[in-house]
Amino acid sequence: MQPLALPDAASRETLLTRYAAVRAHTRSLAADLSAEDQCVQSMPEASPAKWHQAHTSWFFEALVLRTLQPGYRAYDERFFFLFNSYYEALGPRHPRPARGLLTRPSLDDVLAYRAHVDVAVETFVRGCDDESWCVAAPLIELGLNHEQQHQELLLTDILHAFSLNALRPAVLSATAPAAHAVSPLRFMAFDGGLREIGHRGADFAFDNETPRHRVWLQPYALADRLVSCGEYREFIDDGGYRRPELWLSDGWTLVQAEGWRAPLYWRLEDGTHFTLHGTQALRDDEPLCHVSFYEAAAYAQWAGARLPTEAEWEAAATSGTALRQLFGTAWQWTRSSYDPYPGFQPLAGAVGEYNGKFMVGQLVLRGSSHATPRGHERASYRNFFPPSARWQFSGLRLARDL
């Protein structure tokens, strides 16, 4: 999290404008969801849409208003317990797997809570002194990027819930993207040597993107686009889910235990898959999505390739090459464990729990997906999930050694 501009009136107005836009986008994503839709929790790893809306408001209330606004009165003291996610420093919380049991507060109460927080944040920003503003501005910017993360999570989570609904409703009313031809996959070569990765500059970045540091890379090549559904179908047709030699041990155990035979949301029997636009014909030209790290690694093994490291991906993404689908299509699994960069230090206070304590047992994904809010992507961004996760908008790009 980088320091922001000087505490003048213009910088306050700029941040308030951005605040209003981000908050409005969250409301728009949930606008067509009923109260019943917004309460459902389809698995322990997901959260109800109503909870996402409340939690992102809790963040501003707990970390900005409650600590920096003298005399601030909470909308409802019980919400500090209900909508805390994992911040041990901020007290106990409602269990994550039981968020779907929160039929109360109602959706109307949650929307009123959001409105209360919005008014309080605007009042605070316009009226606080420069010392408080210097402390608050980076926290508000962090809160906005946090909310943008939850905007994508809101979509991934309601998509999973709707996929289990017998009516299989569409999350988004807009039409699906039109078909287009897939050009042959080509590999682009990159020199090895000493490279730098990690965030640089004064723009916002999460703490896990820092510090910028040097890495040594061997010469390598990356595919110029993501693997397509048609290419992955060839893997399936060649017995990919029945060949243990292609799989990491934990992945093969999952394939057997869960009965995986295709990516999540695929229906091989009728050639369809479930998307944000409802049930759609599965097109060979579409970029592959909703695969776990294990599936991505197995496909790469089958294809005579491998997954890139996150350092290879970032070095290539910032080199001005003609790589396609780096952003805005699907998150791309890497072969890199989610570990701290050399010299990493978590932020001070409760926000230090944001990233650092999750740096174990997870894999890094790079890029961004079609559900990532525009402007929320950058080459140094480090997304991370456990290797079994496949309800996220995750695909893969192949790599090779040279």
Protein backbone atom coordinates (compact mmCIF):
# COMPACT_ATOMS: atom_id res chain seq x y z
CA MET A 1 0.00 0.00 0.00
CA GLN A 2 1.70 3.16 -1.23
CA PRO A 3 1.36 6.66 0.26
CA LEU A 4 -1.08 8.92 -1.55
CA ALA A 5 -0.98 12.53 -2.69
CA LEU A 6 -0.62 15.52 -0.43
CA PRO A 7 -3.64 16.26 1.80
CA ASP A 8 -5.16 19.07 -0.24
CA ALA A 9 -8.82 19.64 -1.11
CA ALA A 10 -8.39 18.35 -4.67
CA SER A 11 -6.98 15.02 -3.53
CA ARG A 12 -9.92 14.59 -1.15
CA GLU A 13 -12.43 15.24 -3.91
CA THR A 14 -10.61 12.87 -6.25
CA LEU A 15 -10.74 10.08 -3.70
CA LEU A 16 -14.41 10.75 -2.89
CA THR A 17 -15.26 10.55 -6.60
CA ARG A 18 -13.47 7.22 -6.86
CA TYR A 19 -15.13 6.04 -3.66
CA ALA A 20 -18.59 6.79 -5.04
CA ALA A 21 -17.85 5.01 -8.32
CA VAL A 22 -16.54 1.84 -6.70
CA ARG A 23 -19.40 1.66 -4.22
CA ALA A 24 -21.95 2.23 -6.98
CA HIS A 25 -20.46 -0.58 -9.07
CA THR A 26 -20.94 -3.04 -6.20
CA ARG A 27 -24.60 -2.06 -5.97
CA SER A 28 -25.02 -2.44 -9.73
CA LEU A 29 -23.60 -5.97 -9.69
CA ALA A 30 -26.18 -7.03 -7.12
CA ALA A 31 -29.08 -4.94 -8.43
CA ASP A 32 -30.81 -7.80 -10.27
CA LEU A 33 -30.34 -10.29 -7.42
CA SER A 34 -33.31 -10.92 -5.16
CA ALA A 35 -33.08 -10.90 -1.39
CA GLU A 36 -33.23 -14.70 -1.52
CA ASP A 37 -30.39 -14.81 -4.08
CA GLN A 38 -28.25 -12.63 -1.87
CA CYS A 39 -28.57 -14.80 1.23
CA VAL A 40 -27.52 -18.15 -0.25
CA GLN A 41 -24.10 -19.69 0.46
CA SER A 42 -23.43 -22.66 -1.79
CA MET A 43 -20.19 -23.87 -0.21
CA PRO A 44 -17.97 -22.94 2.77
CA GLU A 45 -15.44 -21.16 0.51
CA ALA A 46 -18.08 -18.83 -0.94
CA SER A 47 -20.00 -15.98 0.69
CA PRO A 48 -23.51 -14.63 0.11
CA ALA A 49 -23.82 -11.52 -2.05
CA LYS A 50 -25.44 -9.75 0.90
CA TRP A 51 -22.44 -10.55 3.06
CA HIS A 52 -20.02 -9.18 0.44
CA GLN A 53 -21.96 -5.89 0.43
CA ALA A 54 -21.95 -5.69 4.21
CA HIS A 55 -18.34 -6.76 4.70
CA THR A 56 -16.97 -4.16 2.30
CA SER A 57 -18.86 -1.52 4.31
CA TRP A 58 -17.59 -3.00 7.57
CA PHE A 59 -14.03 -2.48 6.28
CA PHE A 60 -14.47 1.30 6.07
CA GLU A 61 -16.37 1.44 9.34
CA ALA A 62 -13.92 -0.70 11.33
CA LEU A 63 -10.62 0.56 9.92
CA VAL A 64 -11.38 4.21 9.14
CA LEU A 65 -14.45 5.59 10.87
CA ARG A 66 -14.26 3.74 14.16
CA THR A 67 -10.57 4.54 14.65
CA LEU A 68 -10.22 8.03 13.15
CA GLN A 69 -13.60 9.80 13.42
CA PRO A 70 -14.08 11.28 16.91
CA GLY A 71 -17.52 10.47 18.30
CA TYR A 72 -18.43 8.11 15.46
CA ARG A 73 -21.63 6.17 16.14
CA ALA A 74 -21.84 2.72 14.57
CA TYR A 75 -24.87 1.79 12.52
CA ASP A 76 -25.23 -1.39 14.60
CA GLU A 77 -22.55 -2.60 17.03
CA ARG A 78 -23.47 -6.23 16.28
CA PHE A 79 -22.27 -5.78 12.70
CA PHE A 80 -18.64 -5.65 13.87
CA PHE A 81 -19.00 -9.33 14.82
CA LEU A 82 -21.18 -10.39 11.88
CA PHE A 83 -19.11 -8.92 9.06
CA ASN A 84 -15.50 -9.22 10.21
CA SER A 85 -13.82 -11.68 7.85
CA TYR A 86 -10.52 -12.80 9.38
CA TYR A 87 -9.04 -9.86 11.31
CA GLU A 88 -8.01 -11.31 14.66
CA ALA A 89 -6.83 -7.89 15.85
CA LEU A 90 -10.39 -6.57 15.47
CA GLY A 91 -12.12 -9.20 17.55
CA PRO A 92 -14.21 -12.37 17.11
CA ARG A 93 -16.39 -13.03 14.07
CA HIS A 94 -19.26 -15.09 12.78
CA PRO A 95 -17.95 -18.40 11.33
CA ARG A 96 -17.25 -18.24 7.62
CA PRO A 97 -19.03 -21.51 6.69
CA ALA A 98 -22.21 -20.22 8.38
CA ARG A 99 -22.54 -16.89 6.59
CA GLY A 100 -25.51 -18.25 4.66
CA LEU A 101 -27.44 -18.59 7.92
CA LEU A 102 -27.55 -14.81 8.34
CA THR A 103 -31.12 -14.28 7.17
CA ARG A 104 -31.00 -11.29 9.51
CA PRO A 105 -30.04 -8.52 9.06
CA SER A 106 -32.26 -8.22 6.02
CA LEU A 107 -31.03 -7.05 2.64
CA ASP A 108 -32.76 -3.73 3.26
CA ASP A 109 -30.80 -3.39 6.52
CA VAL A 110 -27.54 -4.13 4.70
CA LEU A 111 -28.30 -1.52 2.04
CA ALA A 112 -29.15 0.99 4.75
CA TYR A 113 -25.85 0.12 6.43
CA ARG A 114 -23.98 0.81 3.19
CA ALA A 115 -25.72 4.18 2.87
CA HIS A 116 -24.89 5.05 6.48
CA VAL A 117 -21.20 4.26 5.94
CA ASP A 118 -21.10 6.19 2.67
CA VAL A 119 -22.46 9.35 4.30
CA ALA A 120 -20.09 8.95 7.25
CA VAL A 121 -17.03 8.49 5.02
CA GLU A 122 -17.88 11.55 2.94
CA THR A 123 -18.48 13.65 6.07
CA PHE A 124 -15.21 12.47 7.57
CA VAL A 125 -13.11 13.09 4.44
CA ARG A 126 -14.47 16.60 3.97
CA GLY A 127 -14.06 17.57 7.61
CA CYS A 128 -10.99 15.81 9.01
CA ASP A 129 -7.74 17.64 9.65
CA ASP A 130 -4.66 17.07 7.53
CA GLU A 131 -3.05 14.72 10.05
CA SER A 132 -6.08 12.42 10.08
CA TRP A 133 -6.38 12.65 6.29
CA CYS A 134 -2.79 11.46 5.82
CA VAL A 135 -3.61 8.37 7.88
CA ALA A 136 -7.06 7.81 6.38
CA ALA A 137 -6.33 8.28 2.66
CA PRO A 138 -4.20 5.11 2.22
CA LEU A 139 -6.74 3.12 4.27
CA ILE A 140 -9.63 4.33 2.11
CA GLU A 141 -7.69 3.50 -1.05
CA LEU A 142 -6.96 0.04 0.37
CA GLY A 143 -10.67 -0.31 1.17
CA LEU A 144 -11.62 0.54 -2.40
CA ASN A 145 -9.22 -2.03 -3.85
CA HIS A 146 -10.52 -4.49 -1.27
CA GLU A 147 -14.07 -3.81 -2.47
CA GLN A 148 -13.02 -4.35 -6.08
CA GLN A 149 -11.69 -7.75 -5.09
CA HIS A 150 -15.06 -8.53 -3.52
CA GLN A 151 -16.87 -7.38 -6.65
CA GLU A 152 -15.23 -10.24 -8.53
CA LEU A 153 -15.80 -12.62 -5.61
CA LEU A 154 -19.48 -11.65 -5.54
CA LEU A 155 -19.74 -12.81 -9.18
CA THR A 156 -17.76 -16.02 -8.70
CA ASP A 157 -19.78 -16.94 -5.62
CA ILE A 158 -23.25 -16.25 -7.04
CA LEU A 159 -22.25 -18.07 -10.25
CA HIS A 160 -21.49 -21.16 -8.17
CA ALA A 161 -24.79 -20.83 -6.32
CA PHE A 162 -26.79 -20.40 -9.53
CA SER A 163 -25.05 -23.40 -11.09
CA LEU A 164 -26.67 -25.54 -8.39
CA ASN A 165 -30.11 -24.03 -8.94
CA ALA A 166 -32.39 -26.26 -11.02
CA LEU A 167 -33.53 -23.19 -13.00
CA ARG A 168 -29.88 -22.31 -13.79
CA PRO A 169 -30.57 -18.57 -13.98
CA ALA A 170 -28.17 -16.09 -15.57
CA VAL A 171 -26.24 -13.75 -13.29
CA LEU A 172 -25.86 -11.09 -15.99
CA SER A 173 -28.51 -10.12 -18.48
CA ALA A 174 -26.10 -8.96 -21.18
CA THR A 175 -25.42 -11.32 -24.07
CA ALA A 176 -22.37 -13.54 -24.09
CA PRO A 177 -19.35 -12.52 -26.21
CA ALA A 178 -19.57 -13.38 -29.91
CA ALA A 179 -17.63 -16.29 -31.35
CA HIS A 180 -14.33 -15.65 -33.09
CA ALA A 181 -11.65 -17.74 -34.73
CA VAL A 182 -8.76 -19.00 -32.63
CA SER A 183 -5.39 -18.35 -34.18
CA PRO A 184 -2.79 -21.11 -33.90
CA LEU A 185 -0.97 -21.05 -30.58
CA ARG A 186 2.58 -19.76 -30.91
CA PHE A 187 5.38 -19.64 -28.36
CA MET A 188 7.31 -16.42 -27.88
CA ALA A 189 10.90 -16.63 -26.66
CA PHE A 190 12.28 -14.51 -23.81
CA ASP A 191 15.87 -14.05 -22.80
CA GLY A 192 16.99 -15.17 -19.41
CA GLY A 193 19.16 -13.13 -17.09
CA LEU A 194 18.72 -10.77 -14.21
CA ARG A 195 15.26 -9.18 -14.08
CA GLU A 196 13.29 -7.09 -11.61
CA ILE A 197 9.73 -7.88 -10.53
CA GLY A 198 7.36 -6.35 -8.01
CA HIS A 199 5.51 -3.08 -7.88
CA ARG A 200 7.24 0.21 -8.47
CA GLY A 201 5.94 3.76 -8.65
CA ALA A 202 3.56 5.80 -6.52
CA ASP A 203 0.32 4.14 -7.61
CA PHE A 204 -1.54 1.82 -5.28
CA ALA A 205 -0.31 -1.74 -4.78
CA PHE A 206 -1.01 -4.37 -2.17
CA ASP A 207 1.79 -5.09 0.27
CA ASN A 208 2.34 -8.57 -1.19
CA GLU A 209 3.49 -6.98 -4.47
CA THR A 210 6.50 -5.48 -2.70
CA PRO A 211 9.38 -5.02 -2.34
CA ARG A 212 10.60 -4.85 -5.91
CA HIS A 213 13.52 -7.23 -6.22
CA ARG A 214 15.79 -8.99 -8.68
CA VAL A 215 15.30 -12.54 -9.94
CA TRP A 216 17.39 -14.73 -12.20
CA LEU A 217 15.58 -16.32 -15.12
CA GLN A 218 16.71 -19.01 -17.52
CA PRO A 219 15.70 -18.48 -21.17
CA TYR A 220 12.06 -19.48 -21.63
CA ALA A 221 9.06 -19.22 -23.92
CA LEU A 222 5.41 -18.40 -23.22
CA ALA A 223 2.37 -19.18 -25.33
CA ASP A 224 1.09 -16.02 -27.00
CA ARG A 225 -2.48 -16.70 -25.83
CA LEU A 226 -4.40 -18.76 -23.28
CA VAL A 227 -5.37 -22.38 -23.79
CA SER A 228 -8.79 -22.65 -25.45
CA CYS A 229 -11.76 -24.84 -24.58
CA GLY A 230 -11.26 -26.77 -27.83
CA GLU A 231 -7.65 -27.53 -26.96
CA TYR A 232 -8.64 -28.66 -23.49
CA ARG A 233 -11.38 -30.85 -24.97
CA GLU A 234 -8.63 -32.72 -26.86
CA PHE A 235 -6.97 -33.40 -23.49
CA ILE A 236 -10.26 -34.81 -22.18
CA ASP A 237 -10.81 -36.92 -25.31
CA ASP A 238 -7.30 -38.33 -24.94
CA GLY A 239 -8.17 -39.64 -21.48
CA GLY A 240 -6.61 -36.77 -19.58
CA TYR A 241 -8.76 -37.34 -16.49
CA ARG A 242 -8.02 -41.09 -16.54
CA ARG A 243 -4.22 -40.96 -16.81
CA PRO A 244 -2.50 -40.69 -13.41
CA GLU A 245 0.91 -40.14 -15.00
CA LEU A 246 -0.18 -36.61 -15.99
CA TRP A 247 -1.22 -35.53 -12.51
CA LEU A 248 0.44 -34.36 -9.34
CA SER A 249 -0.33 -36.80 -6.54
CA ASP A 250 -2.73 -34.54 -4.63
CA GLY A 251 -4.48 -33.64 -7.87
CA TRP A 252 -4.98 -37.27 -8.86
CA THR A 253 -6.43 -37.98 -5.42
CA LEU A 254 -8.94 -35.16 -5.97
CA VAL A 255 -9.84 -36.39 -9.45
CA GLN A 256 -10.70 -39.77 -7.98
CA ALA A 257 -12.44 -38.51 -4.86
CA GLU A 258 -14.51 -35.81 -6.59
CA GLY A 259 -15.14 -37.62 -9.85
CA TRP A 260 -13.71 -34.83 -11.98
CA ARG A 261 -14.09 -35.46 -15.71
CA ALA A 262 -14.07 -31.91 -17.05
CA PRO A 263 -13.67 -28.30 -15.86
CA LEU A 264 -16.22 -26.98 -13.40
CA TYR A 265 -19.56 -26.03 -15.05
CA TRP A 266 -18.93 -28.16 -18.18
CA ARG A 267 -21.66 -30.62 -19.25
CA LEU A 268 -20.02 -33.07 -21.63
CA GLU A 269 -23.31 -34.87 -22.28
CA ASP A 270 -24.84 -31.92 -24.13
CA GLY A 271 -21.81 -29.76 -24.96
CA THR A 272 -22.76 -26.81 -22.75
CA HIS A 273 -21.27 -24.98 -19.83
CA PHE A 274 -22.69 -22.63 -17.22
CA THR A 275 -21.53 -19.02 -17.34
CA LEU A 276 -22.45 -15.61 -15.97
CA HIS A 277 -24.84 -15.43 -18.95
CA GLY A 278 -26.51 -18.73 -18.06
CA THR A 279 -26.19 -22.04 -19.90
CA GLN A 280 -24.28 -21.56 -23.16
CA ALA A 281 -23.05 -23.84 -25.91
CA LEU A 282 -19.43 -24.75 -25.26
CA ARG A 283 -17.37 -23.13 -28.01
CA ASP A 284 -13.94 -24.37 -29.00
CA ASP A 285 -12.75 -20.80 -29.55
CA GLU A 286 -13.41 -19.68 -25.96
CA PRO A 287 -10.50 -19.34 -23.55
CA LEU A 288 -10.54 -22.12 -20.97
CA CYS A 289 -11.88 -21.13 -17.56
CA HIS A 290 -12.73 -22.69 -14.18
CA VAL A 291 -9.87 -25.15 -13.88
CA SER A 292 -7.84 -25.86 -10.77
CA PHE A 293 -4.07 -25.64 -10.57
CA TYR A 294 -4.02 -29.43 -10.69
CA GLU A 295 -5.96 -29.47 -13.97
CA ALA A 296 -3.78 -26.72 -15.42
CA ALA A 297 -0.60 -28.60 -14.49
CA ALA A 298 -1.94 -31.90 -15.88
CA TYR A 299 -2.86 -30.25 -19.18
CA ALA A 300 0.58 -28.65 -19.43
CA GLN A 301 2.20 -32.05 -18.83
CA TRP A 302 0.01 -33.60 -21.52
CA ALA A 303 0.88 -30.78 -23.94
CA GLY A 304 4.62 -31.27 -23.46
CA ALA A 305 4.95 -27.94 -21.71
CA ARG A 306 4.70 -26.51 -18.19
CA LEU A 307 3.15 -23.61 -16.32
CA PRO A 308 5.15 -20.38 -16.09
CA THR A 309 6.58 -19.06 -12.87
CA GLU A 310 5.16 -15.77 -11.69
CA ALA A 311 8.53 -14.10 -12.33
CA GLU A 312 8.53 -15.32 -15.94
CA TRP A 313 4.95 -14.12 -16.40
CA GLU A 314 5.63 -10.64 -15.00
CA ALA A 315 8.92 -10.18 -16.85
CA ALA A 316 7.20 -11.07 -20.11
CA ALA A 317 4.13 -8.95 -19.39
CA THR A 318 6.25 -5.85 -18.83
CA SER A 319 8.57 -6.35 -21.80
CA GLY A 320 6.33 -4.79 -24.44
CA THR A 321 5.77 -8.03 -26.35
CA ALA A 322 2.72 -9.11 -28.33
CA LEU A 323 1.41 -11.57 -25.76
CA ARG A 324 -2.38 -11.68 -25.89
CA GLN A 325 -5.01 -12.18 -23.19
CA LEU A 326 -2.72 -11.06 -20.39
CA PHE A 327 -5.60 -9.21 -18.76
CA GLY A 328 -9.38 -9.27 -18.82
CA THR A 329 -9.88 -12.89 -19.90
CA ALA A 330 -8.97 -15.40 -17.19
CA TRP A 331 -6.60 -15.52 -14.24
CA GLN A 332 -3.57 -17.61 -15.15
CA TRP A 333 -2.16 -20.26 -12.85
CA THR A 334 1.58 -20.15 -12.27
CA ARG A 335 3.93 -22.75 -10.84
CA SER A 336 4.88 -20.37 -8.02
CA SER A 337 3.94 -20.84 -4.41
CA TYR A 338 2.42 -17.80 -2.74
CA ASP A 339 5.42 -16.80 -0.65
CA PRO A 340 6.70 -13.45 0.62
CA TYR A 341 9.12 -11.56 -1.56
CA PRO A 342 12.62 -11.08 -0.15
CA GLY A 343 12.42 -8.34 2.47
CA PHE A 344 8.62 -8.39 2.67
CA GLN A 345 7.15 -6.69 5.73
CA PRO A 346 3.41 -6.68 6.43
CA LEU A 347 1.74 -3.36 7.07
CA ALA A 348 1.45 -2.14 10.65
CA GLY A 349 -1.77 -2.69 12.58
CA ALA A 350 -4.82 -4.74 11.66
CA VAL A 351 -4.26 -4.28 7.90
CA GLY A 352 -1.07 -6.30 8.32
CA GLU A 353 -3.38 -9.34 8.35
CA TYR A 354 -4.57 -8.58 4.80
CA ASN A 355 -2.09 -10.74 2.89
CA GLY A 356 0.92 -11.94 4.84
CA LYS A 357 -0.72 -14.58 7.00
CA PHE A 358 -2.03 -16.44 3.93
CA MET A 359 1.45 -17.02 2.49
CA VAL A 360 1.39 -20.79 2.85
CA GLY A 361 -0.20 -23.63 0.89
CA GLN A 362 -1.44 -21.49 -2.00
CA LEU A 363 -0.43 -20.89 -5.62
CA VAL A 364 -0.11 -17.55 -7.44
CA LEU A 365 -2.30 -16.57 -10.37
CA ARG A 366 -1.41 -13.65 -12.62
CA GLY A 367 -3.29 -11.31 -14.97
CA SER A 368 -7.02 -10.71 -14.45
CA SER A 369 -10.34 -12.15 -15.63
CA HIS A 370 -13.40 -10.93 -17.50
CA ALA A 371 -15.00 -10.41 -14.08
CA THR A 372 -12.17 -8.27 -12.69
CA PRO A 373 -13.24 -4.61 -12.42
CA ARG A 374 -11.55 -2.49 -15.05
CA GLY A 375 -8.62 -0.58 -13.65
CA HIS A 376 -8.00 -3.24 -11.02
CA GLU A 377 -5.32 -5.09 -12.97
CA ARG A 378 -1.57 -4.58 -13.26
CA ALA A 379 1.45 -6.69 -14.12
CA SER A 380 2.63 -6.99 -10.50
CA TYR A 381 -0.77 -8.12 -9.11
CA ARG A 382 -0.52 -11.41 -7.17
CA ASN A 383 -3.78 -13.29 -6.89
CA PHE A 384 -3.66 -16.52 -4.90
CA PHE A 385 -5.83 -19.55 -4.22
CA PRO A 386 -5.37 -23.11 -3.01
CA PRO A 387 -4.47 -25.50 -5.83
CA SER A 388 -7.86 -27.24 -5.73
CA ALA A 389 -9.88 -24.04 -6.35
CA ARG A 390 -11.74 -23.96 -9.65
CA TRP A 391 -14.86 -21.88 -9.05
CA GLN A 392 -12.73 -18.82 -9.76
CA PHE A 393 -12.29 -17.50 -13.31
CA SER A 394 -8.98 -19.32 -13.73
CA GLY A 395 -7.32 -20.61 -16.89
CA LEU A 396 -3.78 -21.22 -18.06
CA ARG A 397 -0.97 -20.11 -20.33
CA LEU A 398 1.70 -22.62 -21.32
CA ALA A 399 5.45 -22.17 -20.87
CA ARG A 400 8.51 -24.01 -22.11
CA ASP A 401 12.21 -24.07 -21.34
CA LEU A 402 14.62 -22.99 -24.07
